[in-house]
């Protein structure tokens, strides 16, 4: 089996199929994790007030089984096949015919494609396997931030520590660069946050953005941070202007920054060193 996976084409195909299944699970994470966080906050607030904690139905990433939020219809195994089930159901619940968002198959397809490309690029190596974890976390963070403008610590902090652990063995960069990258990633956006707040009196971003950039620095090293910030700022500015022009978003409507950091992180993972050498002339 390992010998088969050593073939880049086989590993890419296997990773693509795995990505479709992981994408299906990420849809659960994207939907449930913010709800679980809100319930934890409600319980903590009640405790601080000396009140009885609110009672909710038990909810985790594993239980209860996936079900339609409209009618409660439990999703069977044949209705949970990535992409295919959505197509066969024509994007509607089998129980009540309520529409199922196209985002579900899009997350699955995106994860599968990114997994396949990363596997082909890195091969069956520690870097290739680590890239799959990196991509899965960033896909989940992107969708959650779009929905709720939250970047959960339950994802960003483990991502940071996994990056440092891998680079203890020099998988993507040396450990010193990874540690400096984590510190510089956090502090750079922390400084921007406070400078913006002192000048305008408003909060320009959340602490989750600091932690996400720290995680990217832990994975890729401090040398990649300028490219990552530049790419994320450029994409964010383009999307922000487009939303104001075409969707008539007001200037005061907040736009999550996490998705653009995540996109820049994937680009930096694959092409970061090449782009940095080409445009900045640094030796990495």
C-alpha atoms as a PDB file:
ATOM      1  CA  UNK A   1       0.000   0.000   0.000  1.00  0.00           C
ATOM      2  CA  UNK A   2       2.764   2.439   0.944  1.00  0.00           C
ATOM      3  CA  UNK A   3       4.582   1.575  -2.270  1.00  0.00           C
ATOM      4  CA  UNK A   4       1.454   2.504  -4.247  1.00  0.00           C
ATOM      5  CA  UNK A   5       1.111   5.826  -2.432  1.00  0.00           C
ATOM      6  CA  UNK A   6       4.702   6.642  -3.327  1.00  0.00           C
ATOM      7  CA  UNK A   7       3.433   7.176  -6.880  1.00  0.00           C
ATOM      8  CA  UNK A   8       2.456  10.905  -7.003  1.00  0.00           C
ATOM      9  CA  UNK A   9      -0.589  10.245  -9.194  1.00  0.00           C
ATOM     10  CA  UNK A  10      -1.914   7.503  -6.886  1.00  0.00           C
ATOM     11  CA  UNK A  11      -1.320   9.590  -3.778  1.00  0.00           C
ATOM     12  CA  UNK A  12      -3.039  12.593  -5.371  1.00  0.00           C
ATOM     13  CA  UNK A  13      -6.065  10.462  -6.304  1.00  0.00           C
ATOM     14  CA  UNK A  14      -6.271   8.914  -2.837  1.00  0.00           C
ATOM     15  CA  UNK A  15      -5.889  12.333  -1.204  1.00  0.00           C
ATOM     16  CA  UNK A  16      -8.625  13.759  -3.433  1.00  0.00           C
ATOM     17  CA  UNK A  17     -11.078  11.047  -2.374  1.00  0.00           C
ATOM     18  CA  UNK A  18     -10.066  11.533   1.251  1.00  0.00           C
ATOM     19  CA  UNK A  19     -10.579  15.274   0.799  1.00  0.00           C
ATOM     20  CA  UNK A  20     -14.171  14.745  -0.313  1.00  0.00           C
ATOM     21  CA  UNK A  21     -14.874  12.769   2.867  1.00  0.00           C
ATOM     22  CA  UNK A  22     -13.009  15.234   5.073  1.00  0.00           C
ATOM     23  CA  UNK A  23     -14.956  18.050   3.407  1.00  0.00           C
ATOM     24  CA  UNK A  24     -18.190  16.325   4.429  1.00  0.00           C
ATOM     25  CA  UNK A  25     -16.994  16.278   8.042  1.00  0.00           C
ATOM     26  CA  UNK A  26     -15.846  19.901   7.793  1.00  0.00           C
ATOM     27  CA  UNK A  27     -19.410  20.855   6.916  1.00  0.00           C
ATOM     28  CA  UNK A  28     -20.421  19.467  10.303  1.00  0.00           C
ATOM     29  CA  UNK A  29     -17.631  21.395  12.016  1.00  0.00           C
ATOM     30  CA  UNK A  30     -18.580  24.620  10.216  1.00  0.00           C
ATOM     31  CA  UNK A  31     -22.218  24.289  11.287  1.00  0.00           C
ATOM     32  CA  UNK A  32     -21.872  22.938  14.816  1.00  0.00           C
ATOM     33  CA  UNK A  33     -18.698  24.413  16.297  1.00  0.00           C
ATOM     34  CA  UNK A  34     -20.016  28.020  16.457  1.00  0.00           C
ATOM     35  CA  UNK A  35     -23.227  26.747  18.076  1.00  0.00           C
ATOM     36  CA  UNK A  36     -21.209  24.812  20.651  1.00  0.00           C
ATOM     37  CA  UNK A  37     -19.134  27.921  21.352  1.00  0.00           C
ATOM     38  CA  UNK A  38     -22.222  30.088  21.828  1.00  0.00           C
ATOM     39  CA  UNK A  39     -23.675  27.565  24.264  1.00  0.00           C
ATOM     40  CA  UNK A  40     -20.440  27.515  26.254  1.00  0.00           C
ATOM     41  CA  UNK A  41     -20.479  31.317  26.427  1.00  0.00           C
ATOM     42  CA  UNK A  42     -24.123  31.306  27.562  1.00  0.00           C
ATOM     43  CA  UNK A  43     -23.278  28.812  30.324  1.00  0.00           C
ATOM     44  CA  UNK A  44     -20.286  30.893  31.440  1.00  0.00           C
ATOM     45  CA  UNK A  45     -22.366  34.080  31.515  1.00  0.00           C
ATOM     46  CA  UNK A  46     -25.040  32.362  33.598  1.00  0.00           C
ATOM     47  CA  UNK A  47     -22.365  31.115  36.011  1.00  0.00           C
ATOM     48  CA  UNK A  48     -20.925  34.627  36.420  1.00  0.00           C
ATOM     49  CA  UNK A  49     -24.406  35.966  37.150  1.00  0.00           C
ATOM     50  CA  UNK A  50     -25.067  33.189  39.653  1.00  0.00           C
ATOM     51  CA  UNK A  51     -27.907  31.849  37.538  1.00  0.00           C
ATOM     52  CA  UNK A  52     -28.747  28.314  36.517  1.00  0.00           C
ATOM     53  CA  UNK A  53     -27.055  27.400  33.237  1.00  0.00           C
ATOM     54  CA  UNK A  54     -29.378  27.198  30.215  1.00  0.00           C
ATOM     55  CA  UNK A  55     -30.418  23.712  29.172  1.00  0.00           C
ATOM     56  CA  UNK A  56     -29.630  22.681  25.618  1.00  0.00           C
ATOM     57  CA  UNK A  57     -29.903  19.464  23.667  1.00  0.00           C
ATOM     58  CA  UNK A  58     -26.598  17.579  23.814  1.00  0.00           C
ATOM     59  CA  UNK A  59     -24.485  18.582  20.830  1.00  0.00           C
ATOM     60  CA  UNK A  60     -20.998  17.594  19.701  1.00  0.00           C
ATOM     61  CA  UNK A  61     -19.232  17.093  16.405  1.00  0.00           C
ATOM     62  CA  UNK A  62     -20.186  13.412  16.553  1.00  0.00           C
ATOM     63  CA  UNK A  63     -23.692  13.436  18.001  1.00  0.00           C
ATOM     64  CA  UNK A  64     -26.526  13.650  17.237  1.00  0.00           C
ATOM     65  CA  UNK A  65     -26.481  12.314  13.697  1.00  0.00           C
ATOM     66  CA  UNK A  66     -26.638  14.837  10.892  1.00  0.00           C
ATOM     67  CA  UNK A  67     -30.200  15.921  10.231  1.00  0.00           C
ATOM     68  CA  UNK A  68     -32.231  18.500   8.381  1.00  0.00           C
ATOM     69  CA  UNK A  69     -32.478  21.714  10.432  1.00  0.00           C
ATOM     70  CA  UNK A  70     -35.975  22.312   9.035  1.00  0.00           C
ATOM     71  CA  UNK A  71     -37.791  19.021   9.670  1.00  0.00           C
ATOM     72  CA  UNK A  72     -35.314  17.005  11.754  1.00  0.00           C
ATOM     73  CA  UNK A  73     -35.034  14.236   9.141  1.00  0.00           C
ATOM     74  CA  UNK A  74     -31.980  12.094   9.973  1.00  0.00           C
ATOM     75  CA  UNK A  75     -29.473  11.946   7.139  1.00  0.00           C
ATOM     76  CA  UNK A  76     -28.913   8.331   6.141  1.00  0.00           C
ATOM     77  CA  UNK A  77     -25.675   6.903   4.796  1.00  0.00           C
ATOM     78  CA  UNK A  78     -26.869   7.020   1.186  1.00  0.00           C
ATOM     79  CA  UNK A  79     -27.837  10.681   1.631  1.00  0.00           C
ATOM     80  CA  UNK A  80     -24.397  11.550   2.989  1.00  0.00           C
ATOM     81  CA  UNK A  81     -22.155  10.611   0.067  1.00  0.00           C
ATOM     82  CA  UNK A  82     -20.013  13.663  -0.719  1.00  0.00           C
ATOM     83  CA  UNK A  83     -21.309  15.681  -3.703  1.00  0.00           C
ATOM     84  CA  UNK A  84     -23.160  12.704  -5.245  1.00  0.00           C
ATOM     85  CA  UNK A  85     -25.963  12.690  -2.671  1.00  0.00           C
ATOM     86  CA  UNK A  86     -26.541  16.429  -3.114  1.00  0.00           C
ATOM     87  CA  UNK A  87     -26.808  15.955  -6.862  1.00  0.00           C
ATOM     88  CA  UNK A  88     -29.143  12.944  -6.605  1.00  0.00           C
ATOM     89  CA  UNK A  89     -31.347  14.807  -4.124  1.00  0.00           C
ATOM     90  CA  UNK A  90     -31.250  17.842  -6.434  1.00  0.00           C
ATOM     91  CA  UNK A  91     -30.155  19.977  -3.531  1.00  0.00           C
ATOM     92  CA  UNK A  92     -33.233  19.283  -1.411  1.00  0.00           C
ATOM     93  CA  UNK A  93     -33.996  17.430   1.819  1.00  0.00           C
ATOM     94  CA  UNK A  94     -35.500  14.005   1.267  1.00  0.00           C
ATOM     95  CA  UNK A  95     -37.876  14.517   4.178  1.00  0.00           C
ATOM     96  CA  UNK A  96     -39.344  17.965   3.565  1.00  0.00           C
ATOM     97  CA  UNK A  97     -37.835  19.123   0.246  1.00  0.00           C
ATOM     98  CA  UNK A  98     -36.245  22.147   1.930  1.00  0.00           C
ATOM     99  CA  UNK A  99     -33.274  23.440  -0.091  1.00  0.00           C
ATOM    100  CA  UNK A 100     -29.814  22.250   0.938  1.00  0.00           C
ATOM    101  CA  UNK A 101     -27.230  24.990   0.518  1.00  0.00           C
ATOM    102  CA  UNK A 102     -24.844  24.551  -2.396  1.00  0.00           C
ATOM    103  CA  UNK A 103     -22.064  25.388   0.020  1.00  0.00           C
ATOM    104  CA  UNK A 104     -22.068  21.784   1.268  1.00  0.00           C
ATOM    105  CA  UNK A 105     -20.884  20.220  -2.004  1.00  0.00           C
ATOM    106  CA  UNK A 106     -18.645  23.235  -2.677  1.00  0.00           C
ATOM    107  CA  UNK A 107     -16.771  22.681   0.595  1.00  0.00           C
ATOM    108  CA  UNK A 108     -16.392  18.999  -0.277  1.00  0.00           C
ATOM    109  CA  UNK A 109     -15.146  19.700  -3.812  1.00  0.00           C
ATOM    110  CA  UNK A 110     -12.786  22.461  -2.673  1.00  0.00           C
ATOM    111  CA  UNK A 111     -11.282  20.261   0.024  1.00  0.00           C
ATOM    112  CA  UNK A 112     -10.896  17.355  -2.382  1.00  0.00           C
ATOM    113  CA  UNK A 113      -9.192  19.479  -5.028  1.00  0.00           C
ATOM    114  CA  UNK A 114      -6.835  21.134  -2.566  1.00  0.00           C
ATOM    115  CA  UNK A 115      -5.959  17.773  -1.004  1.00  0.00           C
ATOM    116  CA  UNK A 116      -5.221  16.278  -4.428  1.00  0.00           C
ATOM    117  CA  UNK A 117      -3.078  19.211  -5.524  1.00  0.00           C
ATOM    118  CA  UNK A 118      -1.102  19.321  -2.270  1.00  0.00           C
ATOM    119  CA  UNK A 119      -0.533  15.565  -2.440  1.00  0.00           C
ATOM    120  CA  UNK A 120       0.698  15.820  -6.026  1.00  0.00           C
ATOM    121  CA  UNK A 121       2.939  18.767  -5.150  1.00  0.00           C
ATOM    122  CA  UNK A 122       4.587  17.337  -2.018  1.00  0.00           C
ATOM    123  CA  UNK A 123       4.235  13.615  -2.663  1.00  0.00           C
ATOM    124  CA  UNK A 124       3.800  10.951   0.010  1.00  0.00           C
ATOM    125  CA  UNK A 125       6.009  12.714   2.543  1.00  0.00           C
ATOM    126  CA  UNK A 126       5.641  14.289   5.963  1.00  0.00           C
ATOM    127  CA  UNK A 127       5.182  17.626   4.196  1.00  0.00           C
ATOM    128  CA  UNK A 128       2.443  16.148   2.007  1.00  0.00           C
ATOM    129  CA  UNK A 129       0.556  14.610   4.920  1.00  0.00           C
ATOM    130  CA  UNK A 130       0.958  17.757   7.013  1.00  0.00           C
ATOM    131  CA  UNK A 131      -0.374  19.859   4.142  1.00  0.00           C
ATOM    132  CA  UNK A 132      -3.659  17.943   4.293  1.00  0.00           C
ATOM    133  CA  UNK A 133      -4.121  18.866   7.965  1.00  0.00           C
ATOM    134  CA  UNK A 134      -3.171  22.482   7.199  1.00  0.00           C
ATOM    135  CA  UNK A 135      -5.682  22.741   4.346  1.00  0.00           C
ATOM    136  CA  UNK A 136      -8.535  21.101   6.270  1.00  0.00           C
ATOM    137  CA  UNK A 137      -8.128  23.542   9.149  1.00  0.00           C
ATOM    138  CA  UNK A 138      -8.025  26.555   6.832  1.00  0.00           C
ATOM    139  CA  UNK A 139     -11.123  25.471   4.897  1.00  0.00           C
ATOM    140  CA  UNK A 140     -13.084  25.146   8.146  1.00  0.00           C
ATOM    141  CA  UNK A 141     -11.810  28.489   9.467  1.00  0.00           C
ATOM    142  CA  UNK A 142     -12.678  30.230   6.201  1.00  0.00           C
ATOM    143  CA  UNK A 143     -16.307  29.119   6.210  1.00  0.00           C
ATOM    144  CA  UNK A 144     -16.789  29.749   9.936  1.00  0.00           C
ATOM    145  CA  UNK A 145     -15.354  33.250   9.646  1.00  0.00           C
ATOM    146  CA  UNK A 146     -17.595  34.046   6.676  1.00  0.00           C
ATOM    147  CA  UNK A 147     -20.647  32.892   8.655  1.00  0.00           C
ATOM    148  CA  UNK A 148     -19.917  34.237  12.120  1.00  0.00           C
ATOM    149  CA  UNK A 149     -16.752  36.392  11.976  1.00  0.00           C
ATOM    150  CA  UNK A 150     -15.215  33.981  14.466  1.00  0.00           C
ATOM    151  CA  UNK A 151     -11.938  32.059  14.235  1.00  0.00           C
ATOM    152  CA  UNK A 152     -12.268  29.407  16.951  1.00  0.00           C
ATOM    153  CA  UNK A 153      -9.337  28.758  19.283  1.00  0.00           C
ATOM    154  CA  UNK A 154     -10.287  25.084  19.016  1.00  0.00           C
ATOM    155  CA  UNK A 155      -8.823  25.174  15.494  1.00  0.00           C
ATOM    156  CA  UNK A 156      -6.263  28.006  15.427  1.00  0.00           C
ATOM    157  CA  UNK A 157      -4.327  26.980  18.547  1.00  0.00           C
ATOM    158  CA  UNK A 158      -3.935  23.264  17.671  1.00  0.00           C
ATOM    159  CA  UNK A 159      -2.942  24.376  14.162  1.00  0.00           C
ATOM    160  CA  UNK A 160      -0.188  26.538  15.643  1.00  0.00           C
ATOM    161  CA  UNK A 161       1.171  23.757  17.861  1.00  0.00           C
ATOM    162  CA  UNK A 162       1.064  21.169  15.071  1.00  0.00           C
ATOM    163  CA  UNK A 163       3.105  23.531  12.889  1.00  0.00           C
ATOM    164  CA  UNK A 164       5.725  23.959  15.591  1.00  0.00           C
ATOM    165  CA  UNK A 165       5.799  20.192  16.206  1.00  0.00           C
ATOM    166  CA  UNK A 166       6.362  19.416  12.523  1.00  0.00           C
ATOM    167  CA  UNK A 167       9.075  22.024  12.218  1.00  0.00           C
ATOM    168  CA  UNK A 168      10.866  20.574  15.234  1.00  0.00           C
ATOM    169  CA  UNK A 169      11.833  18.012  12.591  1.00  0.00           C
ATOM    170  CA  UNK A 170      12.359  20.602   9.847  1.00  0.00           C
ATOM    171  CA  UNK A 171       9.373  19.552   7.737  1.00  0.00           C
ATOM    172  CA  UNK A 172       8.650  23.017   6.285  1.00  0.00           C
ATOM    173  CA  UNK A 173      11.283  25.231   7.885  1.00  0.00           C
ATOM    174  CA  UNK A 174      13.672  25.143  10.832  1.00  0.00           C
ATOM    175  CA  UNK A 175      12.308  25.372  14.364  1.00  0.00           C
ATOM    176  CA  UNK A 176      13.865  28.782  15.047  1.00  0.00           C
ATOM    177  CA  UNK A 177      12.152  30.294  11.999  1.00  0.00           C
ATOM    178  CA  UNK A 178       8.869  28.656  13.034  1.00  0.00           C
ATOM    179  CA  UNK A 179       8.990  30.035  16.590  1.00  0.00           C
ATOM    180  CA  UNK A 180       9.902  33.513  15.356  1.00  0.00           C
ATOM    181  CA  UNK A 181       7.161  33.184  12.724  1.00  0.00           C
ATOM    182  CA  UNK A 182       4.556  32.413  15.376  1.00  0.00           C
ATOM    183  CA  UNK A 183       5.596  35.381  17.494  1.00  0.00           C
ATOM    184  CA  UNK A 184       5.953  37.784  14.568  1.00  0.00           C
ATOM    185  CA  UNK A 185       2.653  36.668  13.052  1.00  0.00           C
ATOM    186  CA  UNK A 186       0.740  37.397  16.246  1.00  0.00           C
ATOM    187  CA  UNK A 187       2.511  40.629  17.120  1.00  0.00           C
ATOM    188  CA  UNK A 188       2.360  42.142  13.639  1.00  0.00           C
ATOM    189  CA  UNK A 189      -1.432  42.088  13.479  1.00  0.00           C
ATOM    190  CA  UNK A 190      -1.673  42.951  17.179  1.00  0.00           C
ATOM    191  CA  UNK A 191       0.242  46.151  16.449  1.00  0.00           C
ATOM    192  CA  UNK A 192      -1.947  46.930  13.436  1.00  0.00           C
ATOM    193  CA  UNK A 193      -5.054  46.344  15.574  1.00  0.00           C
ATOM    194  CA  UNK A 194      -3.957  48.786  18.273  1.00  0.00           C
ATOM    195  CA  UNK A 195      -2.679  51.400  15.839  1.00  0.00           C
ATOM    196  CA  UNK A 196      -6.014  51.331  14.001  1.00  0.00           C
ATOM    197  CA  UNK A 197      -7.976  51.467  17.248  1.00  0.00           C
ATOM    198  CA  UNK A 198      -5.971  54.414  18.614  1.00  0.00           C
ATOM    199  CA  UNK A 199      -6.407  56.354  15.369  1.00  0.00           C
ATOM    200  CA  UNK A 200     -10.067  55.585  14.630  1.00  0.00           C
ATOM    201  CA  UNK A 201     -11.475  54.384  17.946  1.00  0.00           C
ATOM    202  CA  UNK A 202     -12.726  51.242  16.181  1.00  0.00           C
ATOM    203  CA  UNK A 203     -11.611  47.623  16.175  1.00  0.00           C
ATOM    204  CA  UNK A 204     -10.356  46.729  12.711  1.00  0.00           C
ATOM    205  CA  UNK A 205     -10.002  42.975  13.311  1.00  0.00           C
ATOM    206  CA  UNK A 206     -10.370  40.311  15.961  1.00  0.00           C
ATOM    207  CA  UNK A 207      -7.846  38.409  18.042  1.00  0.00           C
ATOM    208  CA  UNK A 208      -8.582  35.295  16.013  1.00  0.00           C
ATOM    209  CA  UNK A 209      -6.801  36.908  13.073  1.00  0.00           C
ATOM    210  CA  UNK A 210      -3.667  37.337  15.209  1.00  0.00           C
ATOM    211  CA  UNK A 211      -3.751  33.678  16.180  1.00  0.00           C
ATOM    212  CA  UNK A 212      -4.323  32.515  12.613  1.00  0.00           C
ATOM    213  CA  UNK A 213      -1.334  34.477  11.305  1.00  0.00           C
ATOM    214  CA  UNK A 214       0.708  33.132  14.220  1.00  0.00           C
ATOM    215  CA  UNK A 215      -0.259  29.607  13.126  1.00  0.00           C
ATOM    216  CA  UNK A 216       0.765  30.360   9.538  1.00  0.00           C
ATOM    217  CA  UNK A 217       4.098  31.647  10.808  1.00  0.00           C
ATOM    218  CA  UNK A 218       4.573  28.503  12.892  1.00  0.00           C
ATOM    219  CA  UNK A 219       4.038  26.335   9.791  1.00  0.00           C
ATOM    220  CA  UNK A 220       5.916  28.325   7.186  1.00  0.00           C
ATOM    221  CA  UNK A 221       8.433  30.451   9.089  1.00  0.00           C
ATOM    222  CA  UNK A 222       8.801  34.192   9.541  1.00  0.00           C
ATOM    223  CA  UNK A 223      10.269  34.596   6.044  1.00  0.00           C
ATOM    224  CA  UNK A 224       6.866  33.909   4.476  1.00  0.00           C
ATOM    225  CA  UNK A 225       4.908  36.403   6.597  1.00  0.00           C
ATOM    226  CA  UNK A 226       5.442  39.522   4.410  1.00  0.00           C
ATOM    227  CA  UNK A 227       4.172  37.629   1.361  1.00  0.00           C
ATOM    228  CA  UNK A 228       1.212  36.246   3.324  1.00  0.00           C
ATOM    229  CA  UNK A 229       0.181  39.653   4.653  1.00  0.00           C
ATOM    230  CA  UNK A 230       0.599  41.238   1.220  1.00  0.00           C
ATOM    231  CA  UNK A 231      -1.463  38.568  -0.541  1.00  0.00           C
ATOM    232  CA  UNK A 232      -4.244  38.538   2.067  1.00  0.00           C
ATOM    233  CA  UNK A 233      -4.459  42.350   2.131  1.00  0.00           C
ATOM    234  CA  UNK A 234      -4.601  42.545  -1.668  1.00  0.00           C
ATOM    235  CA  UNK A 235      -7.318  39.889  -1.990  1.00  0.00           C
ATOM    236  CA  UNK A 236      -9.266  41.395   0.913  1.00  0.00           C
ATOM    237  CA  UNK A 237      -9.112  44.869  -0.624  1.00  0.00           C
ATOM    238  CA  UNK A 238     -10.279  43.610  -4.027  1.00  0.00           C
ATOM    239  CA  UNK A 239     -13.177  41.656  -2.518  1.00  0.00           C
ATOM    240  CA  UNK A 240     -14.101  44.546  -0.226  1.00  0.00           C
ATOM    241  CA  UNK A 241     -14.264  47.036  -3.094  1.00  0.00           C
ATOM    242  CA  UNK A 242     -16.251  44.551  -5.189  1.00  0.00           C
ATOM    243  CA  UNK A 243     -18.781  44.085  -2.377  1.00  0.00           C
ATOM    244  CA  UNK A 244     -19.205  47.839  -1.989  1.00  0.00           C
ATOM    245  CA  UNK A 245     -19.660  48.327  -5.725  1.00  0.00           C
ATOM    246  CA  UNK A 246     -21.757  45.317  -6.695  1.00  0.00           C
ATOM    247  CA  UNK A 247     -23.429  44.237  -3.434  1.00  0.00           C
ATOM    248  CA  UNK A 248     -23.740  47.798  -2.090  1.00  0.00           C
ATOM    249  CA  UNK A 249     -22.069  46.952   1.197  1.00  0.00           C
ATOM    250  CA  UNK A 250     -21.533  50.038   3.294  1.00  0.00           C
ATOM    251  CA  UNK A 251     -18.054  50.976   4.411  1.00  0.00           C
ATOM    252  CA  UNK A 252     -19.028  50.278   8.019  1.00  0.00           C
ATOM    253  CA  UNK A 253     -20.125  46.693   7.276  1.00  0.00           C
ATOM    254  CA  UNK A 254     -17.379  44.424   8.682  1.00  0.00           C
ATOM    255  CA  UNK A 255     -15.643  42.033   6.298  1.00  0.00           C
ATOM    256  CA  UNK A 256     -13.908  38.982   7.796  1.00  0.00           C
ATOM    257  CA  UNK A 257     -10.154  38.940   7.235  1.00  0.00           C
ATOM    258  CA  UNK A 258      -9.595  35.290   8.158  1.00  0.00           C
ATOM    259  CA  UNK A 259     -10.618  33.839   4.748  1.00  0.00           C
ATOM    260  CA  UNK A 260      -8.037  35.999   2.978  1.00  0.00           C
ATOM    261  CA  UNK A 261      -5.330  35.003   5.453  1.00  0.00           C
ATOM    262  CA  UNK A 262      -6.307  31.369   4.872  1.00  0.00           C
ATOM    263  CA  UNK A 263      -6.163  31.725   1.073  1.00  0.00           C
ATOM    264  CA  UNK A 264      -2.777  33.442   1.339  1.00  0.00           C
ATOM    265  CA  UNK A 265      -1.604  30.666   3.653  1.00  0.00           C
ATOM    266  CA  UNK A 266      -2.435  27.951   1.103  1.00  0.00           C
ATOM    267  CA  UNK A 267      -0.671  29.915  -1.647  1.00  0.00           C
ATOM    268  CA  UNK A 268       2.348  30.438   0.600  1.00  0.00           C
ATOM    269  CA  UNK A 269       2.414  26.733   1.506  1.00  0.00           C
ATOM    270  CA  UNK A 270       2.636  25.704  -2.139  1.00  0.00           C
ATOM    271  CA  UNK A 271       4.481  28.562  -3.832  1.00  0.00           C
ATOM    272  CA  UNK A 272       5.669  30.769  -0.983  1.00  0.00           C
ATOM    273  CA  UNK A 273       9.408  30.230  -1.274  1.00  0.00           C
ATOM    274  CA  UNK A 274       9.335  30.542  -5.061  1.00  0.00           C
ATOM    275  CA  UNK A 275       7.346  33.781  -4.943  1.00  0.00           C
ATOM    276  CA  UNK A 276       9.510  35.259  -2.206  1.00  0.00           C
ATOM    277  CA  UNK A 277      12.690  34.494  -4.115  1.00  0.00           C
ATOM    278  CA  UNK A 278      11.230  35.899  -7.320  1.00  0.00           C
ATOM    279  CA  UNK A 279       9.895  39.162  -5.941  1.00  0.00           C
ATOM    280  CA  UNK A 280      11.979  39.896  -2.849  1.00  0.00           C
ATOM    281  CA  UNK A 281      15.230  38.219  -3.796  1.00  0.00           C
ATOM    282  CA  UNK A 282      15.677  36.547  -0.424  1.00  0.00           C
ATOM    283  CA  UNK A 283      17.530  33.308   0.147  1.00  0.00           C
ATOM    284  CA  UNK A 284      15.276  30.816   1.906  1.00  0.00           C
END
